[in-house]
Amino acid sequence: MKRKNAVLVTEDDLLTDLAFHNVSPSLLIEFSEKVVRPHYGGSITAAIQDLFQKALSSQEPLLVHMPPV
């Protein structure tokens, strides 16, 4: 008889690096100057994490009303 081992996964286990392709230097510079530097202390990682969270939280009411697939 085979034993099944429980595997606990934490958020830290799921951290990943992202690569962005086909983003123009001018767009990245403008984003850094207008958003990252003044609002996130220059941390592009913090800016992206916060923007992801804001995008998801703005979608929550829509997700509640969507039927399961």
PDB file of N, CA and C in Angstrom:
ATOM      1  N   MET A   1       0.838  -1.170   0.000  1.00  0.00           N
ATOM      2  CA  MET A   1       0.000   0.000   0.000  1.00  0.00           C
ATOM      3  C   MET A   1       0.891   1.243   0.000  1.00  0.00           C
ATOM      4  N   LYS A   2       0.601   2.170  -0.893  1.00  0.00           N
ATOM      5  CA  LYS A   2       1.388   3.392  -0.989  1.00  0.00           C
ATOM      6  C   LYS A   2       0.870   4.421   0.000  1.00  0.00           C
ATOM      7  N   ARG A   3       1.793   5.110   0.636  1.00  0.00           N
ATOM      8  CA  ARG A   3       1.422   6.185   1.548  1.00  0.00           C
ATOM      9  C   ARG A   3       1.441   7.498   0.794  1.00  0.00           C
ATOM     10  N   LYS A   4       0.504   8.345   1.075  1.00  0.00           N
ATOM     11  CA  LYS A   4       0.489   9.675   0.489  1.00  0.00           C
ATOM     12  C   LYS A   4       1.040  10.652   1.514  1.00  0.00           C
ATOM     13  N   ASN A   5       1.987  11.430   1.105  1.00  0.00           N
ATOM     14  CA  ASN A   5       2.566  12.442   1.979  1.00  0.00           C
ATOM     15  C   ASN A   5       1.920  13.784   1.679  1.00  0.00           C
ATOM     16  N   ALA A   6       1.509  14.463   2.710  1.00  0.00           N
ATOM     17  CA  ALA A   6       0.943  15.800   2.538  1.00  0.00           C
ATOM     18  C   ALA A   6       2.077  16.784   2.279  1.00  0.00           C
ATOM     19  N   VAL A   7       1.874  17.654   1.314  1.00  0.00           N
ATOM     20  CA  VAL A   7       2.864  18.677   0.998  1.00  0.00           C
ATOM     21  C   VAL A   7       2.210  20.028   1.253  1.00  0.00           C
ATOM     22  N   LEU A   8       2.820  20.784   2.143  1.00  0.00           N
ATOM     23  CA  LEU A   8       2.314  22.113   2.434  1.00  0.00           C
ATOM     24  C   LEU A   8       3.069  23.124   1.579  1.00  0.00           C
ATOM     25  N   VAL A   9       2.329  23.960   0.905  1.00  0.00           N
ATOM     26  CA  VAL A   9       2.932  24.965   0.045  1.00  0.00           C
ATOM     27  C   VAL A   9       2.605  26.329   0.631  1.00  0.00           C
ATOM     28  N   THR A  10       3.614  27.149   0.760  1.00  0.00           N
ATOM     29  CA  THR A  10       3.414  28.505   1.257  1.00  0.00           C
ATOM     30  C   THR A  10       3.599  29.489   0.111  1.00  0.00           C
ATOM     31  N   GLU A  11       3.205  30.731   0.344  1.00  0.00           N
ATOM     32  CA  GLU A  11       3.389  31.750  -0.684  1.00  0.00           C
ATOM     33  C   GLU A  11       4.860  31.909  -1.048  1.00  0.00           C
ATOM     34  N   ASP A  12       5.736  31.765  -0.057  1.00  0.00           N
ATOM     35  CA  ASP A  12       7.165  31.898  -0.339  1.00  0.00           C
ATOM     36  C   ASP A  12       7.648  30.826  -1.308  1.00  0.00           C
ATOM     37  N   ASP A  13       7.006  29.673  -1.313  1.00  0.00           N
ATOM     38  CA  ASP A  13       7.373  28.614  -2.245  1.00  0.00           C
ATOM     39  C   ASP A  13       6.995  28.967  -3.686  1.00  0.00           C
ATOM     40  N   LEU A  14       6.086  29.910  -3.844  1.00  0.00           N
ATOM     41  CA  LEU A  14       5.569  30.245  -5.166  1.00  0.00           C
ATOM     42  C   LEU A  14       6.143  31.538  -5.735  1.00  0.00           C
ATOM     43  N   LEU A  15       7.086  32.166  -5.042  1.00  0.00           N
ATOM     44  CA  LEU A  15       7.684  33.390  -5.557  1.00  0.00           C
ATOM     45  C   LEU A  15       8.348  33.113  -6.895  1.00  0.00           C
ATOM     46  N   THR A  16       8.229  34.058  -7.800  1.00  0.00           N
ATOM     47  CA  THR A  16       8.787  33.869  -9.134  1.00  0.00           C
ATOM     48  C   THR A  16       9.372  35.176  -9.645  1.00  0.00           C
ATOM     49  N   ASP A  17      10.245  35.087 -10.604  1.00  0.00           N
ATOM     50  CA  ASP A  17      10.783  36.251 -11.290  1.00  0.00           C
ATOM     51  C   ASP A  17       9.993  36.411 -12.585  1.00  0.00           C
ATOM     52  N   LEU A  18       9.779  37.653 -12.973  1.00  0.00           N
ATOM     53  CA  LEU A  18       9.049  37.926 -14.201  1.00  0.00           C
ATOM     54  C   LEU A  18       9.970  38.578 -15.221  1.00  0.00           C
ATOM     55  N   ALA A  19       9.742  38.275 -16.456  1.00  0.00           N
ATOM     56  CA  ALA A  19      10.449  38.937 -17.548  1.00  0.00           C
ATOM     57  C   ALA A  19       9.402  39.585 -18.437  1.00  0.00           C
ATOM     58  N   PHE A  20       9.628  40.816 -18.792  1.00  0.00           N
ATOM     59  CA  PHE A  20       8.720  41.518 -19.685  1.00  0.00           C
ATOM     60  C   PHE A  20       9.388  41.655 -21.039  1.00  0.00           C
ATOM     61  N   HIS A  21       8.661  41.331 -22.077  1.00  0.00           N
ATOM     62  CA  HIS A  21       9.201  41.386 -23.425  1.00  0.00           C
ATOM     63  C   HIS A  21       8.469  42.473 -24.206  1.00  0.00           C
ATOM     64  N   ASN A  22       9.173  43.069 -25.128  1.00  0.00           N
ATOM     65  CA  ASN A  22       8.617  44.080 -26.030  1.00  0.00           C
ATOM     66  C   ASN A  22       8.040  45.284 -25.296  1.00  0.00           C
ATOM     67  N   VAL A  23       8.703  45.689 -24.217  1.00  0.00           N
ATOM     68  CA  VAL A  23       8.340  46.918 -23.516  1.00  0.00           C
ATOM     69  C   VAL A  23       9.381  47.952 -23.907  1.00  0.00           C
ATOM     70  N   SER A  24       8.918  49.047 -24.467  1.00  0.00           N
ATOM     71  CA  SER A  24       9.874  50.043 -24.955  1.00  0.00           C
ATOM     72  C   SER A  24      10.589  50.725 -23.794  1.00  0.00           C
ATOM     73  N   PRO A  25      11.833  51.087 -24.002  1.00  0.00           N
ATOM     74  CA  PRO A  25      12.572  51.797 -22.956  1.00  0.00           C
ATOM     75  C   PRO A  25      11.868  53.084 -22.529  1.00  0.00           C
ATOM     76  N   SER A  26      11.282  53.789 -23.491  1.00  0.00           N
ATOM     77  CA  SER A  26      10.620  55.050 -23.149  1.00  0.00           C
ATOM     78  C   SER A  26       9.406  54.807 -22.243  1.00  0.00           C
ATOM     79  N   LEU A  27       8.677  53.714 -22.456  1.00  0.00           N
ATOM     80  CA  LEU A  27       7.531  53.397 -21.598  1.00  0.00           C
ATOM     81  C   LEU A  27       8.006  53.050 -20.190  1.00  0.00           C
ATOM     82  N   LEU A  28       9.064  52.267 -20.097  1.00  0.00           N
ATOM     83  CA  LEU A  28       9.619  51.896 -18.796  1.00  0.00           C
ATOM     84  C   LEU A  28      10.151  53.117 -18.054  1.00  0.00           C
ATOM     85  N   ILE A  29      10.836  54.000 -18.752  1.00  0.00           N
ATOM     86  CA  ILE A  29      11.361  55.218 -18.134  1.00  0.00           C
ATOM     87  C   ILE A  29      10.223  56.097 -17.645  1.00  0.00           C
ATOM     88  N   GLU A  30       9.204  56.286 -18.463  1.00  0.00           N
ATOM     89  CA  GLU A  30       8.062  57.121 -18.062  1.00  0.00           C
ATOM     90  C   GLU A  30       7.325  56.518 -16.870  1.00  0.00           C
ATOM     91  N   PHE A  31       7.125  55.204 -16.878  1.00  0.00           N
ATOM     92  CA  PHE A  31       6.485  54.516 -15.749  1.00  0.00           C
ATOM     93  C   PHE A  31       7.313  54.706 -14.485  1.00  0.00           C
ATOM     94  N   SER A  32       8.617  54.567 -14.595  1.00  0.00           N
ATOM     95  CA  SER A  32       9.500  54.727 -13.441  1.00  0.00           C
ATOM     96  C   SER A  32       9.459  56.152 -12.898  1.00  0.00           C
ATOM     97  N   GLU A  33       9.476  57.132 -13.794  1.00  0.00           N
ATOM     98  CA  GLU A  33       9.484  58.531 -13.363  1.00  0.00           C
ATOM     99  C   GLU A  33       8.155  58.978 -12.783  1.00  0.00           C
ATOM    100  N   LYS A  34       7.040  58.563 -13.402  1.00  0.00           N
ATOM    101  CA  LYS A  34       5.728  59.080 -13.004  1.00  0.00           C
ATOM    102  C   LYS A  34       5.018  58.238 -11.952  1.00  0.00           C
ATOM    103  N   VAL A  35       5.340  56.956 -11.857  1.00  0.00           N
ATOM    104  CA  VAL A  35       4.627  56.076 -10.929  1.00  0.00           C
ATOM    105  C   VAL A  35       5.549  55.514  -9.858  1.00  0.00           C
ATOM    106  N   VAL A  36       6.621  54.871 -10.295  1.00  0.00           N
ATOM    107  CA  VAL A  36       7.477  54.132  -9.359  1.00  0.00           C
ATOM    108  C   VAL A  36       8.206  55.064  -8.396  1.00  0.00           C
ATOM    109  N   ARG A  37       8.898  56.040  -8.912  1.00  0.00           N
ATOM    110  CA  ARG A  37       9.706  56.913  -8.047  1.00  0.00           C
ATOM    111  C   ARG A  37       8.852  57.678  -7.038  1.00  0.00           C
ATOM    112  N   PRO A  38       7.791  58.368  -7.448  1.00  0.00           N
ATOM    113  CA  PRO A  38       7.051  59.157  -6.459  1.00  0.00           C
ATOM    114  C   PRO A  38       6.148  58.354  -5.523  1.00  0.00           C
ATOM    115  N   HIS A  39       5.641  57.224  -5.979  1.00  0.00           N
ATOM    116  CA  HIS A  39       4.653  56.499  -5.179  1.00  0.00           C
ATOM    117  C   HIS A  39       5.187  55.244  -4.504  1.00  0.00           C
ATOM    118  N   TYR A  40       6.299  54.710  -4.977  1.00  0.00           N
ATOM    119  CA  TYR A  40       6.811  53.442  -4.457  1.00  0.00           C
ATOM    120  C   TYR A  40       8.283  53.519  -4.063  1.00  0.00           C
ATOM    121  N   GLY A  41       8.784  54.715  -3.835  1.00  0.00           N
ATOM    122  CA  GLY A  41      10.153  54.888  -3.382  1.00  0.00           C
ATOM    123  C   GLY A  41      11.189  54.315  -4.331  1.00  0.00           C
ATOM    124  N   GLY A  42      10.848  54.214  -5.604  1.00  0.00           N
ATOM    125  CA  GLY A  42      11.792  53.711  -6.589  1.00  0.00           C
ATOM    126  C   GLY A  42      11.796  52.206  -6.753  1.00  0.00           C
ATOM    127  N   SER A  43      10.956  51.492  -6.024  1.00  0.00           N
ATOM    128  CA  SER A  43      10.933  50.029  -6.117  1.00  0.00           C
ATOM    129  C   SER A  43       9.909  49.573  -7.157  1.00  0.00           C
ATOM    130  N   ILE A  44      10.407  49.156  -8.306  1.00  0.00           N
ATOM    131  CA  ILE A  44       9.503  48.699  -9.359  1.00  0.00           C
ATOM    132  C   ILE A  44       8.779  47.420  -8.941  1.00  0.00           C
ATOM    133  N   THR A  45       9.429  46.588  -8.120  1.00  0.00           N
ATOM    134  CA  THR A  45       8.786  45.367  -7.624  1.00  0.00           C
ATOM    135  C   THR A  45       7.575  45.717  -6.768  1.00  0.00           C
ATOM    136  N   ALA A  46       7.735  46.669  -5.857  1.00  0.00           N
ATOM    137  CA  ALA A  46       6.617  47.091  -5.014  1.00  0.00           C
ATOM    138  C   ALA A  46       5.493  47.685  -5.852  1.00  0.00           C
ATOM    139  N   ALA A  47       5.847  48.444  -6.880  1.00  0.00           N
ATOM    140  CA  ALA A  47       4.844  49.045  -7.752  1.00  0.00           C
ATOM    141  C   ALA A  47       4.040  47.978  -8.481  1.00  0.00           C
ATOM    142  N   ILE A  48       4.716  46.995  -9.040  1.00  0.00           N
ATOM    143  CA  ILE A  48       4.033  45.940  -9.786  1.00  0.00           C
ATOM    144  C   ILE A  48       3.156  45.103  -8.860  1.00  0.00           C
ATOM    145  N   GLN A  49       3.668  44.761  -7.677  1.00  0.00           N
ATOM    146  CA  GLN A  49       2.867  43.986  -6.717  1.00  0.00           C
ATOM    147  C   GLN A  49       1.607  44.746  -6.332  1.00  0.00           C
ATOM    148  N   ASP A  50       1.747  46.037  -6.039  1.00  0.00           N
ATOM    149  CA  ASP A  50       0.590  46.838  -5.637  1.00  0.00           C
ATOM    150  C   ASP A  50      -0.409  46.975  -6.781  1.00  0.00           C
ATOM    151  N   LEU A  51       0.073  47.186  -7.982  1.00  0.00           N
ATOM    152  CA  LEU A  51      -0.826  47.315  -9.131  1.00  0.00           C
ATOM    153  C   LEU A  51      -1.549  46.004  -9.426  1.00  0.00           C
ATOM    154  N   PHE A  52      -0.863  44.868  -9.259  1.00  0.00           N
ATOM    155  CA  PHE A  52      -1.523  43.563  -9.408  1.00  0.00           C
ATOM    156  C   PHE A  52      -2.643  43.422  -8.379  1.00  0.00           C
ATOM    157  N   GLN A  53      -2.343  43.761  -7.124  1.00  0.00           N
ATOM    158  CA  GLN A  53      -3.341  43.638  -6.052  1.00  0.00           C
ATOM    159  C   GLN A  53      -4.534  44.556  -6.306  1.00  0.00           C
ATOM    160  N   LYS A  54      -4.272  45.778  -6.749  1.00  0.00           N
ATOM    161  CA  LYS A  54      -5.358  46.713  -7.045  1.00  0.00           C
ATOM    162  C   LYS A  54      -6.214  46.209  -8.207  1.00  0.00           C
ATOM    163  N   ALA A  55      -5.580  45.660  -9.219  1.00  0.00           N
ATOM    164  CA  ALA A  55      -6.329  45.128 -10.362  1.00  0.00           C
ATOM    165  C   ALA A  55      -7.212  43.964  -9.927  1.00  0.00           C
ATOM    166  N   LEU A  56      -6.686  43.094  -9.090  1.00  0.00           N
ATOM    167  CA  LEU A  56      -7.471  41.953  -8.616  1.00  0.00           C
ATOM    168  C   LEU A  56      -8.607  42.388  -7.710  1.00  0.00           C
ATOM    169  N   SER A  57      -8.359  43.330  -6.818  1.00  0.00           N
ATOM    170  CA  SER A  57      -9.414  43.765  -5.895  1.00  0.00           C
ATOM    171  C   SER A  57     -10.530  44.486  -6.645  1.00  0.00           C
ATOM    172  N   SER A  58     -10.202  45.156  -7.740  1.00  0.00           N
ATOM    173  CA  SER A  58     -11.253  45.827  -8.511  1.00  0.00           C
ATOM    174  C   SER A  58     -12.095  44.825  -9.287  1.00  0.00           C
ATOM    175  N   GLN A  59     -11.601  43.597  -9.466  1.00  0.00           N
ATOM    176  CA  GLN A  59     -12.328  42.561 -10.193  1.00  0.00           C
ATOM    177  C   GLN A  59     -13.159  41.665  -9.283  1.00  0.00           C
ATOM    178  N   GLU A  60     -12.964  41.740  -7.971  1.00  0.00           N
ATOM    179  CA  GLU A  60     -13.659  40.834  -7.061  1.00  0.00           C
ATOM    180  C   GLU A  60     -15.178  40.845  -7.222  1.00  0.00           C
ATOM    181  N   PRO A  61     -15.827  42.007  -7.319  1.00  0.00           N
ATOM    182  CA  PRO A  61     -17.288  41.961  -7.498  1.00  0.00           C
ATOM    183  C   PRO A  61     -17.698  41.215  -8.766  1.00  0.00           C
ATOM    184  N   LEU A  62     -16.914  41.319  -9.821  1.00  0.00           N
ATOM    185  CA  LEU A  62     -17.230  40.612 -11.060  1.00  0.00           C
ATOM    186  C   LEU A  62     -17.062  39.114 -10.888  1.00  0.00           C
ATOM    187  N   LEU A  63     -16.017  38.709 -10.173  1.00  0.00           N
ATOM    188  CA  LEU A  63     -15.759  37.282  -9.993  1.00  0.00           C
ATOM    189  C   LEU A  63     -16.838  36.611  -9.158  1.00  0.00           C
ATOM    190  N   VAL A  64     -17.423  37.330  -8.234  1.00  0.00           N
ATOM    191  CA  VAL A  64     -18.471  36.756  -7.376  1.00  0.00           C
ATOM    192  C   VAL A  64     -19.699  36.380  -8.203  1.00  0.00           C
ATOM    193  N   HIS A  65     -19.979  37.156  -9.239  1.00  0.00           N
ATOM    194  CA  HIS A  65     -21.180  36.948 -10.049  1.00  0.00           C
ATOM    195  C   HIS A  65     -20.950  36.047 -11.255  1.00  0.00           C
ATOM    196  N   MET A  66     -19.740  35.609 -11.460  1.00  0.00           N
ATOM    197  CA  MET A  66     -19.468  34.731 -12.601  1.00  0.00           C
ATOM    198  C   MET A  66     -19.786  33.284 -12.233  1.00  0.00           C
ATOM    199  N   PRO A  67     -20.467  32.571 -13.122  1.00  0.00           N
ATOM    200  CA  PRO A  67     -20.734  31.155 -12.842  1.00  0.00           C
ATOM    201  C   PRO A  67     -19.453  30.346 -12.917  1.00  0.00           C
ATOM    202  N   PRO A  68     -19.331  29.295 -12.116  1.00  0.00           N
ATOM    203  CA  PRO A  68     -18.134  28.457 -12.190  1.00  0.00           C
ATOM    204  C   PRO A  68     -18.023  27.771 -13.548  1.00  0.00           C
ATOM    205  N   VAL A  69     -16.808  27.546 -13.971  1.00  0.00           N
ATOM    206  CA  VAL A  69     -16.557  26.926 -15.273  1.00  0.00           C
ATOM    207  C   VAL A  69     -16.493  25.425 -15.119  1.00  0.00           C
TER     208      VAL A  69
END
